[in-house]
Structure formats: structure tokens, C-alpha cells
């Protein structure tokens, strides 16, 4: 970043902009991961790891769960939070939190996470477990995202009010960043 900015960029701001850009990338399904979550019978609400940005899919016991709204579930049963059985849907509890609820409440706990064949999402998939596919924050980006992210950070750095503000350079960095993002999609 310092080389691309002729040593004008503020290192503290660059770190903050990097975190912001990676969080923004989490809204796109580029930095994805799958995570297993152990299920406890009678427990419906789960909180994924802090690195999770957006949940893309939820699976229960090798079946994809449909994303439902609270209104849809209330139309099925007004007491949907108290239902017990094999989950068929999930609902996000709160848009600001990453918590999600599987519906209905599972009656069976997950089996132990023992991966004899070394394939937790294949032969070793634990029975009655929840798997989520999600976007995540990362400290190290894949090589194919480094340049578009670098130019997006430079755009943000040179558009802000500072002693080195340069709107033309920021616009050029933004255009280059957009172009590179389009190329890697």
C-alpha cells in the first residue's frame, strides 16, 4: 500500500480500511467457508463463530434447511418456537446478530465429531449436526483478491479529508478496483 501511494497513505487508516473492505466482501459469496455445529436436543438457537459475516445456507443431518421468515412460520403455527421434531427451516433471530434458529427444535443431539475417513462433509458427516456455509472475515486474502482490495483501500484513503486528499487519484483507484473485481467474479 505504501508503494502504491508513494508513502502518503496513513498506516492506521489503511488497517481500518482493510477490515472494512473484507467485511464488505463478506456480503458477496467470495470468501466462503463451511462450519459444523454440534446440536443439542431441545436447543434451537445457535451462534456461529465471530469470523462469520453472512450465512448463505444451513444444513441439518445432510438436508438443506429452507430460510424462513417469522411471519411464514407464524402462518404455519402460532407457537412455532415451541415445536419439536426434525428441523425443516431456519430463521435469523436478529439482523444485527449472527444467531439463527432451526425450526422445529431438534429432538436428537449430534453424534460425536469423529472423522475416521478425514472427510467431515463426506463419509464422516456427523448425524444430526448443523452445517453452515457462510462468508467470513480473513486476515489473509487469496492472491486473486489482493489487487482489487488494494485499489479499493487506496480509493478510500485518498477520498477522505486529509493532507494528502486526491479525488482524481481516488477515482482512478476506484475504477481500477471495480474493473479488477469484475474480472475475478
N, C-alpha and C. Protein backbone atom coordinates (compact mmCIF):
# COMPACT_ATOMS: atom_id res chain seq x y z
N UNK A 1 0.82 -1.18 0.00
CA UNK A 1 0.00 0.00 0.00
C UNK A 1 0.87 1.25 0.00
N UNK A 2 1.93 1.21 0.78
CA UNK A 2 2.80 2.39 0.84
C UNK A 2 3.47 2.64 -0.51
N UNK A 3 3.86 1.58 -1.22
CA UNK A 3 4.47 1.75 -2.54
C UNK A 3 3.48 2.32 -3.54
N UNK A 4 2.25 1.81 -3.53
CA UNK A 4 1.23 2.28 -4.46
C UNK A 4 0.80 3.72 -4.16
N UNK A 5 0.94 4.15 -2.92
CA UNK A 5 0.52 5.50 -2.54
C UNK A 5 1.68 6.49 -2.44
N UNK A 6 2.86 6.09 -2.88
CA UNK A 6 4.06 6.93 -2.77
C UNK A 6 4.31 7.33 -1.32
N UNK A 7 4.09 6.41 -0.41
CA UNK A 7 4.30 6.58 1.04
C UNK A 7 3.45 7.68 1.65
N UNK A 8 2.33 8.02 1.03
CA UNK A 8 1.45 9.07 1.57
C UNK A 8 0.33 8.50 2.43
N UNK A 9 0.02 7.23 2.27
CA UNK A 9 -1.12 6.63 2.98
C UNK A 9 -0.84 6.51 4.48
N UNK A 10 -1.86 6.72 5.26
CA UNK A 10 -1.80 6.60 6.71
C UNK A 10 -1.95 5.12 7.09
N UNK A 11 -0.94 4.55 7.74
CA UNK A 11 -0.93 3.11 8.06
C UNK A 11 -2.13 2.71 8.93
N UNK A 12 -2.50 3.55 9.88
CA UNK A 12 -3.63 3.23 10.76
C UNK A 12 -4.93 3.20 9.96
N UNK A 13 -5.10 4.18 9.08
CA UNK A 13 -6.31 4.22 8.25
C UNK A 13 -6.35 3.03 7.30
N UNK A 14 -5.21 2.64 6.76
CA UNK A 14 -5.16 1.51 5.84
C UNK A 14 -5.62 0.24 6.54
N UNK A 15 -5.17 0.02 7.78
CA UNK A 15 -5.61 -1.16 8.53
C UNK A 15 -7.12 -1.16 8.73
N UNK A 16 -7.67 0.00 9.08
CA UNK A 16 -9.12 0.10 9.28
C UNK A 16 -9.86 -0.11 7.97
N UNK A 17 -9.36 0.49 6.88
CA UNK A 17 -9.99 0.31 5.57
C UNK A 17 -9.92 -1.14 5.12
N UNK A 18 -8.81 -1.82 5.42
CA UNK A 18 -8.69 -3.24 5.06
C UNK A 18 -9.80 -4.04 5.75
N UNK A 19 -9.97 -3.81 7.05
CA UNK A 19 -11.03 -4.52 7.78
C UNK A 19 -12.40 -4.22 7.18
N UNK A 20 -12.63 -2.96 6.83
CA UNK A 20 -13.92 -2.56 6.24
C UNK A 20 -14.15 -3.25 4.89
N UNK A 21 -13.12 -3.28 4.05
CA UNK A 21 -13.25 -3.90 2.73
C UNK A 21 -13.50 -5.40 2.86
N UNK A 22 -12.79 -6.06 3.76
CA UNK A 22 -13.00 -7.50 3.96
C UNK A 22 -14.42 -7.77 4.46
N UNK A 23 -14.92 -6.92 5.36
CA UNK A 23 -16.32 -7.05 5.82
C UNK A 23 -17.28 -6.85 4.66
N UNK A 24 -16.99 -5.86 3.81
CA UNK A 24 -17.83 -5.63 2.63
C UNK A 24 -17.80 -6.82 1.68
N UNK A 25 -16.63 -7.43 1.53
CA UNK A 25 -16.52 -8.62 0.67
C UNK A 25 -17.36 -9.76 1.22
N UNK A 26 -17.58 -9.77 2.52
CA UNK A 26 -18.39 -10.81 3.14
C UNK A 26 -19.85 -10.76 2.73
N UNK A 27 -20.28 -9.67 2.14
CA UNK A 27 -21.65 -9.59 1.63
C UNK A 27 -21.76 -10.28 0.27
N UNK A 28 -20.62 -10.56 -0.33
CA UNK A 28 -20.58 -11.31 -1.58
C UNK A 28 -20.09 -12.72 -1.26
N UNK A 29 -20.54 -13.72 -1.97
CA UNK A 29 -20.11 -15.09 -1.64
C UNK A 29 -18.74 -15.46 -2.20
N UNK A 30 -17.72 -14.67 -1.88
CA UNK A 30 -16.37 -14.95 -2.37
C UNK A 30 -15.49 -15.60 -1.31
N UNK A 31 -15.56 -15.12 -0.09
CA UNK A 31 -14.75 -15.67 0.98
C UNK A 31 -15.63 -16.60 1.80
N UNK A 32 -15.82 -17.80 1.30
CA UNK A 32 -16.77 -18.72 1.94
C UNK A 32 -16.06 -19.83 2.69
N UNK A 33 -16.80 -20.39 3.61
CA UNK A 33 -16.31 -21.48 4.45
C UNK A 33 -17.51 -22.31 4.88
N UNK A 34 -17.29 -23.55 5.22
CA UNK A 34 -18.33 -24.40 5.79
C UNK A 34 -17.90 -24.75 7.21
N UNK A 35 -18.86 -24.71 8.13
CA UNK A 35 -18.57 -24.97 9.54
C UNK A 35 -19.61 -25.93 10.10
N UNK A 36 -19.14 -26.90 10.87
CA UNK A 36 -20.03 -27.82 11.56
C UNK A 36 -20.34 -27.28 12.95
N UNK A 37 -21.60 -27.43 13.35
CA UNK A 37 -22.03 -27.00 14.68
C UNK A 37 -22.72 -28.18 15.35
N UNK A 38 -22.30 -28.50 16.56
CA UNK A 38 -22.90 -29.58 17.31
C UNK A 38 -24.29 -29.17 17.79
N UNK A 39 -25.26 -30.06 17.64
CA UNK A 39 -26.65 -29.79 18.03
C UNK A 39 -26.94 -30.46 19.36
N UNK A 40 -27.64 -29.73 20.21
CA UNK A 40 -28.10 -30.27 21.48
C UNK A 40 -29.62 -30.39 21.41
N UNK A 41 -30.13 -31.57 21.76
CA UNK A 41 -31.58 -31.79 21.72
C UNK A 41 -32.30 -30.72 22.53
N UNK A 42 -33.36 -30.15 21.95
CA UNK A 42 -34.15 -29.13 22.63
C UNK A 42 -33.62 -27.72 22.48
N UNK A 43 -32.43 -27.57 21.91
CA UNK A 43 -31.84 -26.24 21.71
C UNK A 43 -32.00 -25.86 20.25
N UNK A 44 -32.61 -24.71 19.99
CA UNK A 44 -32.88 -24.31 18.62
C UNK A 44 -32.03 -23.14 18.14
N UNK A 45 -31.54 -22.29 19.06
CA UNK A 45 -30.79 -21.10 18.67
C UNK A 45 -29.30 -21.37 18.76
N UNK A 46 -28.59 -21.02 17.68
CA UNK A 46 -27.14 -21.24 17.62
C UNK A 46 -26.45 -19.96 17.17
N UNK A 47 -25.25 -19.75 17.71
CA UNK A 47 -24.45 -18.58 17.37
C UNK A 47 -23.16 -19.08 16.72
N UNK A 48 -22.94 -18.74 15.46
CA UNK A 48 -21.70 -19.17 14.80
C UNK A 48 -20.51 -18.36 15.29
N UNK A 49 -19.34 -18.71 14.83
CA UNK A 49 -18.09 -18.04 15.23
C UNK A 49 -18.10 -16.57 14.85
N UNK A 50 -17.26 -15.80 15.50
CA UNK A 50 -17.21 -14.35 15.25
C UNK A 50 -16.72 -14.02 13.85
N UNK A 51 -16.00 -14.92 13.20
CA UNK A 51 -15.50 -14.65 11.85
C UNK A 51 -16.60 -14.72 10.80
N UNK A 52 -17.76 -15.26 11.15
CA UNK A 52 -18.87 -15.39 10.20
C UNK A 52 -19.46 -14.00 9.93
N UNK A 53 -19.64 -13.68 8.65
CA UNK A 53 -20.26 -12.42 8.28
C UNK A 53 -21.71 -12.65 7.87
N UNK A 54 -21.93 -13.56 6.94
CA UNK A 54 -23.27 -13.81 6.42
C UNK A 54 -23.47 -15.29 6.19
N UNK A 55 -24.57 -15.82 6.67
CA UNK A 55 -24.89 -17.23 6.47
C UNK A 55 -25.56 -17.38 5.11
N UNK A 56 -25.00 -18.27 4.29
CA UNK A 56 -25.55 -18.50 2.95
C UNK A 56 -26.51 -19.68 2.93
N UNK A 57 -26.16 -20.77 3.61
CA UNK A 57 -27.00 -21.97 3.67
C UNK A 57 -26.83 -22.64 5.01
N UNK A 58 -27.89 -23.33 5.43
CA UNK A 58 -27.86 -24.11 6.66
C UNK A 58 -28.32 -25.52 6.33
N UNK A 59 -27.59 -26.51 6.83
CA UNK A 59 -27.93 -27.92 6.62
C UNK A 59 -28.13 -28.58 7.97
N UNK A 60 -29.05 -29.52 8.00
CA UNK A 60 -29.26 -30.32 9.21
C UNK A 60 -29.31 -31.78 8.78
N UNK A 61 -28.45 -32.58 9.33
CA UNK A 61 -28.42 -34.02 9.05
C UNK A 61 -28.46 -34.30 7.55
N UNK A 62 -27.58 -33.63 6.80
CA UNK A 62 -27.44 -33.81 5.35
C UNK A 62 -28.61 -33.28 4.53
N UNK A 63 -29.47 -32.45 5.10
CA UNK A 63 -30.57 -31.85 4.35
C UNK A 63 -30.45 -30.34 4.43
N UNK A 64 -30.68 -29.68 3.31
CA UNK A 64 -30.64 -28.22 3.33
C UNK A 64 -31.92 -27.71 3.99
N UNK A 65 -31.77 -26.71 4.86
CA UNK A 65 -32.91 -26.11 5.52
C UNK A 65 -33.31 -24.85 4.75
N UNK A 66 -34.60 -24.67 4.61
CA UNK A 66 -35.13 -23.51 3.91
C UNK A 66 -35.07 -22.30 4.82
N UNK A 67 -34.65 -21.15 4.29
CA UNK A 67 -34.67 -19.93 5.10
C UNK A 67 -36.11 -19.43 5.14
N UNK A 68 -36.60 -19.22 6.34
CA UNK A 68 -37.99 -18.78 6.51
C UNK A 68 -38.02 -17.47 7.28
N UNK A 69 -39.11 -16.75 7.13
CA UNK A 69 -39.32 -15.55 7.92
C UNK A 69 -40.19 -15.90 9.11
N UNK A 70 -40.19 -15.04 10.12
CA UNK A 70 -41.03 -15.27 11.29
C UNK A 70 -42.50 -15.29 10.90
N UNK A 71 -42.88 -14.44 9.94
CA UNK A 71 -44.28 -14.40 9.50
C UNK A 71 -44.70 -15.71 8.84
N UNK A 72 -43.81 -16.30 8.03
CA UNK A 72 -44.13 -17.59 7.40
C UNK A 72 -44.33 -18.67 8.46
N UNK A 73 -43.47 -18.68 9.45
CA UNK A 73 -43.57 -19.69 10.49
C UNK A 73 -44.82 -19.48 11.34
N UNK A 74 -45.18 -18.22 11.59
CA UNK A 74 -46.40 -17.95 12.36
C UNK A 74 -47.64 -18.37 11.59
N UNK A 75 -47.58 -18.32 10.26
CA UNK A 75 -48.73 -18.77 9.47
C UNK A 75 -48.89 -20.29 9.53
N UNK A 76 -47.80 -21.00 9.79
CA UNK A 76 -47.86 -22.46 9.94
C UNK A 76 -48.40 -22.82 11.32
N UNK A 77 -47.83 -22.17 12.35
CA UNK A 77 -48.24 -22.44 13.72
C UNK A 77 -47.85 -21.24 14.58
N UNK A 78 -48.80 -20.69 15.29
CA UNK A 78 -48.53 -19.53 16.13
C UNK A 78 -47.49 -19.83 17.21
N UNK A 79 -47.38 -21.07 17.60
CA UNK A 79 -46.42 -21.49 18.63
C UNK A 79 -45.19 -22.17 17.99
N UNK A 80 -44.74 -21.68 16.86
CA UNK A 80 -43.67 -22.33 16.11
C UNK A 80 -42.37 -22.44 16.90
N UNK A 81 -42.13 -21.55 17.83
CA UNK A 81 -40.90 -21.62 18.64
C UNK A 81 -40.89 -22.83 19.57
N UNK A 82 -42.07 -23.36 19.89
CA UNK A 82 -42.17 -24.49 20.82
C UNK A 82 -42.26 -25.84 20.11
N UNK A 83 -42.35 -25.85 18.78
CA UNK A 83 -42.45 -27.11 18.05
C UNK A 83 -41.21 -27.96 18.24
N UNK A 84 -41.38 -29.26 18.24
CA UNK A 84 -40.27 -30.21 18.34
C UNK A 84 -40.36 -31.19 17.19
N UNK A 85 -39.21 -31.61 16.70
CA UNK A 85 -39.18 -32.57 15.60
C UNK A 85 -37.91 -32.41 14.80
N UNK A 86 -37.95 -32.88 13.57
CA UNK A 86 -36.81 -32.81 12.68
C UNK A 86 -36.84 -31.45 11.97
N UNK A 87 -35.82 -30.62 12.12
CA UNK A 87 -35.83 -29.28 11.53
C UNK A 87 -36.00 -29.30 10.01
N UNK A 88 -36.79 -28.34 9.54
CA UNK A 88 -37.02 -28.19 8.10
C UNK A 88 -36.72 -26.77 7.62
N UNK A 89 -36.47 -25.84 8.54
CA UNK A 89 -36.21 -24.45 8.17
C UNK A 89 -35.31 -23.79 9.21
N UNK A 90 -34.81 -22.62 8.85
CA UNK A 90 -34.09 -21.80 9.82
C UNK A 90 -34.54 -20.35 9.65
N UNK A 91 -34.41 -19.61 10.71
CA UNK A 91 -34.79 -18.20 10.70
C UNK A 91 -33.71 -17.41 11.43
N UNK A 92 -33.38 -16.25 10.91
CA UNK A 92 -32.43 -15.38 11.60
C UNK A 92 -33.17 -14.68 12.72
N UNK A 93 -32.65 -14.78 13.92
CA UNK A 93 -33.32 -14.21 15.08
C UNK A 93 -33.28 -12.69 15.06
N UNK A 94 -32.14 -12.13 14.69
CA UNK A 94 -31.96 -10.69 14.76
C UNK A 94 -30.98 -10.30 13.66
N UNK A 95 -31.30 -9.28 12.89
CA UNK A 95 -30.43 -8.92 11.77
C UNK A 95 -29.07 -8.41 12.22
N UNK A 96 -28.97 -7.88 13.44
CA UNK A 96 -27.69 -7.36 13.90
C UNK A 96 -26.84 -8.46 14.53
N UNK A 97 -27.45 -9.56 14.91
CA UNK A 97 -26.70 -10.67 15.49
C UNK A 97 -26.59 -11.78 14.45
N UNK A 98 -25.67 -12.67 14.66
CA UNK A 98 -25.49 -13.78 13.74
C UNK A 98 -26.27 -15.02 14.18
N UNK A 99 -27.03 -14.89 15.25
CA UNK A 99 -27.80 -16.03 15.74
C UNK A 99 -28.80 -16.49 14.70
N UNK A 100 -29.04 -17.78 14.68
CA UNK A 100 -30.10 -18.32 13.84
C UNK A 100 -30.81 -19.42 14.63
N UNK A 101 -32.06 -19.65 14.28
CA UNK A 101 -32.88 -20.65 14.96
C UNK A 101 -33.27 -21.71 13.94
N UNK A 102 -33.08 -22.98 14.30
CA UNK A 102 -33.58 -24.04 13.45
C UNK A 102 -34.97 -24.42 13.95
N UNK A 103 -35.87 -24.69 13.01
CA UNK A 103 -37.27 -24.92 13.33
C UNK A 103 -37.71 -26.24 12.72
N UNK A 104 -38.36 -27.09 13.45
CA UNK A 104 -38.64 -27.03 14.89
C UNK A 104 -37.41 -27.38 15.71
N UNK A 105 -37.55 -27.27 17.04
CA UNK A 105 -36.45 -27.63 17.95
C UNK A 105 -36.08 -29.09 17.73
N UNK A 106 -34.80 -29.38 17.55
CA UNK A 106 -34.40 -30.77 17.32
C UNK A 106 -34.63 -31.64 18.57
N UNK A 107 -35.03 -32.87 18.32
CA UNK A 107 -35.27 -33.81 19.43
C UNK A 107 -34.06 -34.69 19.73
N UNK A 108 -33.06 -34.65 18.82
CA UNK A 108 -31.89 -35.54 18.95
C UNK A 108 -30.62 -34.69 18.93
N UNK A 109 -29.68 -35.02 19.81
CA UNK A 109 -28.39 -34.35 19.82
C UNK A 109 -27.47 -34.93 18.75
N UNK A 110 -26.48 -34.15 18.34
CA UNK A 110 -25.50 -34.60 17.36
C UNK A 110 -24.70 -35.76 17.90
N UNK A 111 -24.26 -36.59 16.98
CA UNK A 111 -23.29 -37.63 17.34
C UNK A 111 -21.93 -36.97 17.48
N UNK A 112 -20.98 -37.67 18.08
CA UNK A 112 -19.63 -37.13 18.26
C UNK A 112 -19.00 -36.78 16.92
N UNK A 113 -18.20 -35.73 16.92
CA UNK A 113 -17.49 -35.33 15.72
C UNK A 113 -16.19 -36.14 15.63
N UNK A 114 -16.29 -37.34 15.09
CA UNK A 114 -15.13 -38.20 14.90
C UNK A 114 -15.00 -38.44 13.40
N UNK A 115 -13.87 -38.05 12.83
CA UNK A 115 -13.70 -38.10 11.39
C UNK A 115 -12.72 -39.21 11.02
N UNK A 116 -13.21 -40.44 10.95
CA UNK A 116 -12.37 -41.59 10.66
C UNK A 116 -11.75 -41.53 9.27
N UNK A 117 -12.50 -41.03 8.30
CA UNK A 117 -12.02 -41.00 6.92
C UNK A 117 -11.45 -39.64 6.53
N UNK A 118 -11.45 -38.70 7.48
CA UNK A 118 -10.90 -37.38 7.22
C UNK A 118 -11.76 -36.52 6.32
N UNK A 119 -13.05 -36.81 6.23
CA UNK A 119 -13.93 -36.01 5.39
C UNK A 119 -15.21 -35.65 6.15
N UNK A 120 -15.15 -34.58 6.96
CA UNK A 120 -16.31 -34.22 7.77
C UNK A 120 -17.55 -33.85 6.96
N UNK A 121 -17.37 -33.47 5.69
CA UNK A 121 -18.52 -33.14 4.87
C UNK A 121 -18.79 -34.22 3.83
N UNK A 122 -18.27 -35.41 4.09
CA UNK A 122 -18.50 -36.55 3.20
C UNK A 122 -18.89 -37.75 4.04
N UNK A 123 -18.07 -38.77 3.99
CA UNK A 123 -18.36 -40.01 4.70
C UNK A 123 -18.47 -39.81 6.21
N UNK A 124 -17.76 -38.85 6.75
CA UNK A 124 -17.74 -38.65 8.20
C UNK A 124 -18.74 -37.62 8.70
N UNK A 125 -19.67 -37.18 7.86
CA UNK A 125 -20.61 -36.15 8.30
C UNK A 125 -21.36 -36.67 9.53
N UNK A 126 -21.25 -35.95 10.66
CA UNK A 126 -21.88 -36.44 11.89
C UNK A 126 -23.41 -36.34 11.82
N UNK A 127 -24.07 -37.39 12.30
CA UNK A 127 -25.53 -37.40 12.28
C UNK A 127 -26.09 -36.29 13.16
N UNK A 128 -27.18 -35.69 12.70
CA UNK A 128 -27.94 -34.67 13.42
C UNK A 128 -27.14 -33.41 13.73
N UNK A 129 -26.10 -33.16 12.95
CA UNK A 129 -25.31 -31.93 13.14
C UNK A 129 -25.83 -30.85 12.19
N UNK A 130 -25.51 -29.62 12.52
CA UNK A 130 -25.82 -28.49 11.65
C UNK A 130 -24.53 -28.08 10.96
N UNK A 131 -24.62 -27.86 9.66
CA UNK A 131 -23.50 -27.31 8.90
C UNK A 131 -23.97 -26.00 8.29
N UNK A 132 -23.14 -24.99 8.38
CA UNK A 132 -23.48 -23.72 7.75
C UNK A 132 -22.42 -23.38 6.71
N UNK A 133 -22.86 -22.87 5.60
CA UNK A 133 -21.97 -22.31 4.59
C UNK A 133 -22.11 -20.81 4.75
N UNK A 134 -20.99 -20.14 4.92
CA UNK A 134 -21.03 -18.72 5.26
C UNK A 134 -19.87 -17.96 4.66
N UNK A 135 -20.01 -16.66 4.61
CA UNK A 135 -18.89 -15.80 4.27
C UNK A 135 -18.18 -15.48 5.58
N UNK A 136 -16.93 -15.06 5.46
CA UNK A 136 -16.15 -14.83 6.67
C UNK A 136 -15.12 -13.73 6.49
N UNK A 137 -14.66 -13.22 7.62
CA UNK A 137 -13.54 -12.29 7.58
C UNK A 137 -12.26 -13.12 7.58
N UNK A 138 -11.26 -12.59 6.92
CA UNK A 138 -9.97 -13.28 6.86
C UNK A 138 -8.86 -12.27 7.02
N UNK A 139 -7.79 -12.72 7.63
CA UNK A 139 -6.60 -11.88 7.75
C UNK A 139 -5.82 -11.92 6.44
N UNK A 140 -5.75 -13.10 5.84
CA UNK A 140 -5.02 -13.24 4.59
C UNK A 140 -6.01 -13.51 3.45
N UNK A 141 -5.97 -12.67 2.45
CA UNK A 141 -6.85 -12.81 1.30
C UNK A 141 -6.22 -13.73 0.28
N UNK A 142 -7.05 -14.38 -0.54
CA UNK A 142 -6.48 -15.13 -1.65
C UNK A 142 -5.76 -14.17 -2.61
N UNK A 143 -4.76 -14.67 -3.28
CA UNK A 143 -3.94 -13.82 -4.15
C UNK A 143 -4.77 -13.10 -5.21
N UNK A 144 -5.82 -13.73 -5.70
CA UNK A 144 -6.62 -13.13 -6.77
C UNK A 144 -7.46 -11.94 -6.29
N UNK A 145 -7.55 -11.71 -4.97
CA UNK A 145 -8.28 -10.56 -4.45
C UNK A 145 -7.37 -9.44 -3.96
N UNK A 146 -6.08 -9.67 -3.92
CA UNK A 146 -5.17 -8.69 -3.34
C UNK A 146 -5.16 -7.36 -4.09
N UNK A 147 -5.08 -7.39 -5.40
CA UNK A 147 -5.02 -6.13 -6.16
C UNK A 147 -6.33 -5.35 -6.11
N UNK A 148 -7.49 -5.99 -6.36
CA UNK A 148 -8.72 -5.18 -6.27
C UNK A 148 -8.93 -4.58 -4.88
N UNK A 149 -8.57 -5.33 -3.84
CA UNK A 149 -8.71 -4.82 -2.48
C UNK A 149 -7.73 -3.67 -2.24
N UNK A 150 -6.51 -3.80 -2.72
CA UNK A 150 -5.52 -2.73 -2.55
C UNK A 150 -6.00 -1.43 -3.19
N UNK A 151 -6.54 -1.51 -4.39
CA UNK A 151 -7.02 -0.29 -5.05
C UNK A 151 -8.27 0.26 -4.38
N UNK A 152 -9.11 -0.60 -3.82
CA UNK A 152 -10.28 -0.11 -3.09
C UNK A 152 -9.85 0.60 -1.81
N UNK A 153 -8.83 0.08 -1.14
CA UNK A 153 -8.31 0.75 0.07
C UNK A 153 -7.71 2.10 -0.30
N UNK A 154 -6.96 2.14 -1.40
CA UNK A 154 -6.39 3.42 -1.83
C UNK A 154 -7.49 4.43 -2.18
N UNK A 155 -8.58 3.97 -2.80
CA UNK A 155 -9.69 4.86 -3.11
C UNK A 155 -10.23 5.48 -1.82
N UNK A 156 -10.44 4.64 -0.81
CA UNK A 156 -10.96 5.14 0.46
C UNK A 156 -9.98 6.06 1.17
N UNK A 157 -8.71 5.75 1.08
CA UNK A 157 -7.69 6.56 1.74
C UNK A 157 -7.58 7.95 1.10
N UNK A 158 -7.63 8.02 -0.23
CA UNK A 158 -7.40 9.30 -0.90
C UNK A 158 -8.68 10.10 -1.13
N UNK A 159 -9.84 9.57 -0.79
CA UNK A 159 -11.08 10.33 -0.89
C UNK A 159 -11.41 11.02 0.43
N UNK A 160 -10.85 10.53 1.52
CA UNK A 160 -11.16 11.10 2.83
C UNK A 160 -10.41 12.42 3.03
N UNK A 161 -10.95 13.23 3.93
CA UNK A 161 -10.32 14.51 4.25
C UNK A 161 -8.98 14.26 4.94
N UNK A 162 -7.92 14.74 4.34
CA UNK A 162 -6.57 14.61 4.92
C UNK A 162 -5.64 15.58 4.20
N UNK A 163 -4.39 15.60 4.62
CA UNK A 163 -3.43 16.48 3.96
C UNK A 163 -3.00 15.95 2.61
N UNK A 164 -3.36 14.72 2.29
CA UNK A 164 -2.99 14.12 1.01
C UNK A 164 -4.23 13.71 0.18
N UNK A 165 -5.36 14.33 0.45
CA UNK A 165 -6.58 14.03 -0.31
C UNK A 165 -6.34 14.30 -1.80
N UNK A 166 -6.76 13.32 -2.63
CA UNK A 166 -6.58 13.44 -4.08
C UNK A 166 -7.77 12.75 -4.74
N UNK A 167 -8.79 13.53 -5.05
CA UNK A 167 -10.03 12.98 -5.59
C UNK A 167 -9.83 12.28 -6.93
N UNK A 168 -8.96 12.82 -7.79
CA UNK A 168 -8.72 12.21 -9.10
C UNK A 168 -8.04 10.84 -8.95
N UNK A 169 -7.02 10.79 -8.10
CA UNK A 169 -6.34 9.52 -7.87
C UNK A 169 -7.31 8.51 -7.23
N UNK A 170 -8.14 8.97 -6.29
CA UNK A 170 -9.12 8.10 -5.64
C UNK A 170 -10.11 7.55 -6.67
N UNK A 171 -10.56 8.40 -7.59
CA UNK A 171 -11.50 7.96 -8.63
C UNK A 171 -10.84 6.92 -9.54
N UNK A 172 -9.59 7.15 -9.90
CA UNK A 172 -8.88 6.19 -10.75
C UNK A 172 -8.70 4.86 -10.03
N UNK A 173 -8.34 4.90 -8.75
CA UNK A 173 -8.20 3.67 -7.96
C UNK A 173 -9.54 2.94 -7.86
N UNK A 174 -10.63 3.70 -7.66
CA UNK A 174 -11.96 3.10 -7.59
C UNK A 174 -12.34 2.42 -8.88
N UNK A 175 -12.06 3.06 -10.02
CA UNK A 175 -12.38 2.46 -11.31
C UNK A 175 -11.55 1.20 -11.54
N UNK A 176 -10.28 1.26 -11.20
CA UNK A 176 -9.41 0.08 -11.36
C UNK A 176 -9.87 -1.05 -10.44
N UNK A 177 -10.24 -0.72 -9.21
CA UNK A 177 -10.73 -1.72 -8.28
C UNK A 177 -12.00 -2.37 -8.82
N UNK A 178 -12.94 -1.56 -9.29
CA UNK A 178 -14.19 -2.10 -9.85
C UNK A 178 -13.91 -3.02 -11.03
N UNK A 179 -13.01 -2.60 -11.91
CA UNK A 179 -12.66 -3.42 -13.06
C UNK A 179 -12.06 -4.75 -12.65
N UNK A 180 -11.13 -4.71 -11.70
CA UNK A 180 -10.50 -5.95 -11.24
C UNK A 180 -11.50 -6.87 -10.53
N UNK A 181 -12.44 -6.29 -9.74
CA UNK A 181 -13.47 -7.11 -9.12
C UNK A 181 -14.35 -7.78 -10.18
N UNK A 182 -14.66 -7.04 -11.25
CA UNK A 182 -15.45 -7.63 -12.34
C UNK A 182 -14.70 -8.78 -13.02
N UNK A 183 -13.40 -8.64 -13.14
CA UNK A 183 -12.60 -9.68 -13.79
C UNK A 183 -12.52 -10.96 -12.96
N UNK A 184 -12.56 -10.84 -11.64
CA UNK A 184 -12.40 -12.03 -10.79
C UNK A 184 -13.72 -12.69 -10.44
N UNK A 185 -14.84 -12.09 -10.83
CA UNK A 185 -16.13 -12.69 -10.50
C UNK A 185 -16.31 -13.97 -11.26
